[in-house]
C-alpha atoms as a PDB file:
ATOM      1  CA  UNK A   1     -15.157   5.215   8.100  1.00  0.00           C
ATOM      2  CA  UNK A   2     -17.605   3.085   6.229  1.00  0.00           C
ATOM      3  CA  UNK A   3     -18.327   3.875   2.585  1.00  0.00           C
ATOM      4  CA  UNK A   4     -21.196   2.494   0.537  1.00  0.00           C
ATOM      5  CA  UNK A   5     -21.403   2.426  -3.250  1.00  0.00           C
ATOM      6  CA  UNK A   6     -23.591   1.079  -6.003  1.00  0.00           C
ATOM      7  CA  UNK A   7     -21.860  -1.181  -8.513  1.00  0.00           C
ATOM      8  CA  UNK A   8     -23.506  -2.608 -11.632  1.00  0.00           C
ATOM      9  CA  UNK A   9     -24.327  -6.285 -11.165  1.00  0.00           C
ATOM     10  CA  UNK A  10     -22.019  -7.518 -13.937  1.00  0.00           C
ATOM     11  CA  UNK A  11     -19.073  -5.611 -12.465  1.00  0.00           C
ATOM     12  CA  UNK A  12     -19.892  -6.872  -8.972  1.00  0.00           C
ATOM     13  CA  UNK A  13     -19.992 -10.463 -10.220  1.00  0.00           C
ATOM     14  CA  UNK A  14     -16.574 -10.070 -11.853  1.00  0.00           C
ATOM     15  CA  UNK A  15     -15.053  -8.444  -8.763  1.00  0.00           C
ATOM     16  CA  UNK A  16     -16.546 -11.071  -6.460  1.00  0.00           C
ATOM     17  CA  UNK A  17     -15.283 -13.917  -8.669  1.00  0.00           C
ATOM     18  CA  UNK A  18     -11.697 -12.850  -7.922  1.00  0.00           C
ATOM     19  CA  UNK A  19     -12.107 -12.882  -4.143  1.00  0.00           C
ATOM     20  CA  UNK A  20     -13.618 -10.740  -1.424  1.00  0.00           C
ATOM     21  CA  UNK A  21     -15.067  -7.765  -3.296  1.00  0.00           C
ATOM     22  CA  UNK A  22     -14.905  -5.348  -0.356  1.00  0.00           C
ATOM     23  CA  UNK A  23     -11.218  -6.170   0.181  1.00  0.00           C
ATOM     24  CA  UNK A  24     -10.442  -5.862  -3.531  1.00  0.00           C
ATOM     25  CA  UNK A  25     -12.088  -2.441  -3.716  1.00  0.00           C
ATOM     26  CA  UNK A  26     -10.213  -1.321  -0.601  1.00  0.00           C
ATOM     27  CA  UNK A  27      -6.915  -2.470  -2.123  1.00  0.00           C
ATOM     28  CA  UNK A  28      -7.718  -0.699  -5.408  1.00  0.00           C
ATOM     29  CA  UNK A  29      -8.447   2.552  -3.572  1.00  0.00           C
ATOM     30  CA  UNK A  30      -5.329   2.201  -1.426  1.00  0.00           C
ATOM     31  CA  UNK A  31      -3.102   1.529  -4.457  1.00  0.00           C
ATOM     32  CA  UNK A  32      -4.496   4.492  -6.358  1.00  0.00           C
ATOM     33  CA  UNK A  33      -4.100   6.717  -3.307  1.00  0.00           C
ATOM     34  CA  UNK A  34      -0.472   5.641  -2.914  1.00  0.00           C
ATOM     35  CA  UNK A  35       0.356   6.003  -6.616  1.00  0.00           C
ATOM     36  CA  UNK A  36      -1.182   9.487  -6.746  1.00  0.00           C
ATOM     37  CA  UNK A  37       0.717  10.587  -3.640  1.00  0.00           C
ATOM     38  CA  UNK A  38      -2.436  11.117  -1.596  1.00  0.00           C
ATOM     39  CA  UNK A  39      -1.493   8.292   0.792  1.00  0.00           C
ATOM     40  CA  UNK A  40       1.863   7.516   2.386  1.00  0.00           C
ATOM     41  CA  UNK A  41       3.203   3.986   2.839  1.00  0.00           C
ATOM     42  CA  UNK A  42       2.316   4.289   6.529  1.00  0.00           C
ATOM     43  CA  UNK A  43      -1.272   5.237   5.698  1.00  0.00           C
ATOM     44  CA  UNK A  44      -1.423   2.361   3.202  1.00  0.00           C
ATOM     45  CA  UNK A  45      -0.232  -0.011   5.930  1.00  0.00           C
ATOM     46  CA  UNK A  46      -2.908   1.187   8.337  1.00  0.00           C
ATOM     47  CA  UNK A  47      -5.638   1.185   5.695  1.00  0.00           C
ATOM     48  CA  UNK A  48      -4.925  -2.406   4.666  1.00  0.00           C
ATOM     49  CA  UNK A  49      -4.241  -3.673   8.185  1.00  0.00           C
ATOM     50  CA  UNK A  50      -0.653  -4.756   7.587  1.00  0.00           C
ATOM     51  CA  UNK A  51       1.554  -5.241  10.638  1.00  0.00           C
ATOM     52  CA  UNK A  52       4.891  -4.419   9.009  1.00  0.00           C
ATOM     53  CA  UNK A  53       6.451  -2.259   6.337  1.00  0.00           C
ATOM     54  CA  UNK A  54       7.646  -5.479   4.675  1.00  0.00           C
ATOM     55  CA  UNK A  55       4.020  -6.451   4.040  1.00  0.00           C
ATOM     56  CA  UNK A  56       3.446  -3.074   2.382  1.00  0.00           C
ATOM     57  CA  UNK A  57       6.553  -3.561   0.239  1.00  0.00           C
ATOM     58  CA  UNK A  58       5.358  -7.021  -0.815  1.00  0.00           C
ATOM     59  CA  UNK A  59       1.865  -5.742  -1.585  1.00  0.00           C
ATOM     60  CA  UNK A  60       3.215  -2.912  -3.730  1.00  0.00           C
ATOM     61  CA  UNK A  61       5.633  -5.234  -5.521  1.00  0.00           C
ATOM     62  CA  UNK A  62       2.847  -7.746  -6.218  1.00  0.00           C
ATOM     63  CA  UNK A  63       0.879  -4.955  -7.876  1.00  0.00           C
ATOM     64  CA  UNK A  64       3.805  -3.562  -9.882  1.00  0.00           C
ATOM     65  CA  UNK A  65       4.035  -0.334  -7.893  1.00  0.00           C
ATOM     66  CA  UNK A  66       7.445   1.071  -7.062  1.00  0.00           C
ATOM     67  CA  UNK A  67       8.096   1.885  -3.431  1.00  0.00           C
ATOM     68  CA  UNK A  68       8.562   5.608  -2.816  1.00  0.00           C
ATOM     69  CA  UNK A  69      12.130   5.969  -1.604  1.00  0.00           C
ATOM     70  CA  UNK A  70      13.559   9.464  -1.454  1.00  0.00           C
ATOM     71  CA  UNK A  71      17.103  10.742  -1.208  1.00  0.00           C
ATOM     72  CA  UNK A  72      16.280  11.816   2.345  1.00  0.00           C
ATOM     73  CA  UNK A  73      15.295   8.205   3.158  1.00  0.00           C
ATOM     74  CA  UNK A  74      18.631   6.993   1.801  1.00  0.00           C
ATOM     75  CA  UNK A  75      20.650   9.597   3.734  1.00  0.00           C
ATOM     76  CA  UNK A  76      18.817   8.791   6.993  1.00  0.00           C
ATOM     77  CA  UNK A  77      19.316   5.033   6.571  1.00  0.00           C
ATOM     78  CA  UNK A  78      22.958   5.474   5.579  1.00  0.00           C
ATOM     79  CA  UNK A  79      23.598   7.568   8.728  1.00  0.00           C
ATOM     80  CA  UNK A  80      21.981   4.887  10.866  1.00  0.00           C
ATOM     81  CA  UNK A  81      24.090   2.180   9.232  1.00  0.00           C
ATOM     82  CA  UNK A  82      27.274   4.220   9.665  1.00  0.00           C
ATOM     83  CA  UNK A  83      26.453   4.718  13.354  1.00  0.00           C
ATOM     84  CA  UNK A  84      26.021   0.963  13.812  1.00  0.00           C
ATOM     85  CA  UNK A  85      29.282   0.174  12.018  1.00  0.00           C
ATOM     86  CA  UNK A  86      31.220   2.680  14.134  1.00  0.00           C
ATOM     87  CA  UNK A  87      30.325   0.837  17.359  1.00  0.00           C
END
């Protein structure tokens, strides 16, 4: 989906000075969506065009956002690790 918006010139100049404005706005929206729980890490990855979960982790870390990691995630990963160690 393409979204258009009007931004005051002084704000646009400041955003553009720090890099590609469209990309910066996309990243801001993606971060806010993730922090608010409206977007999952998978949706964030797709939205920003990252190939791996590691890129998402790095992006979140670079922006001071903690990765959502639930008890269910831990239990699932622990079971997978235990299965590998039992072989």
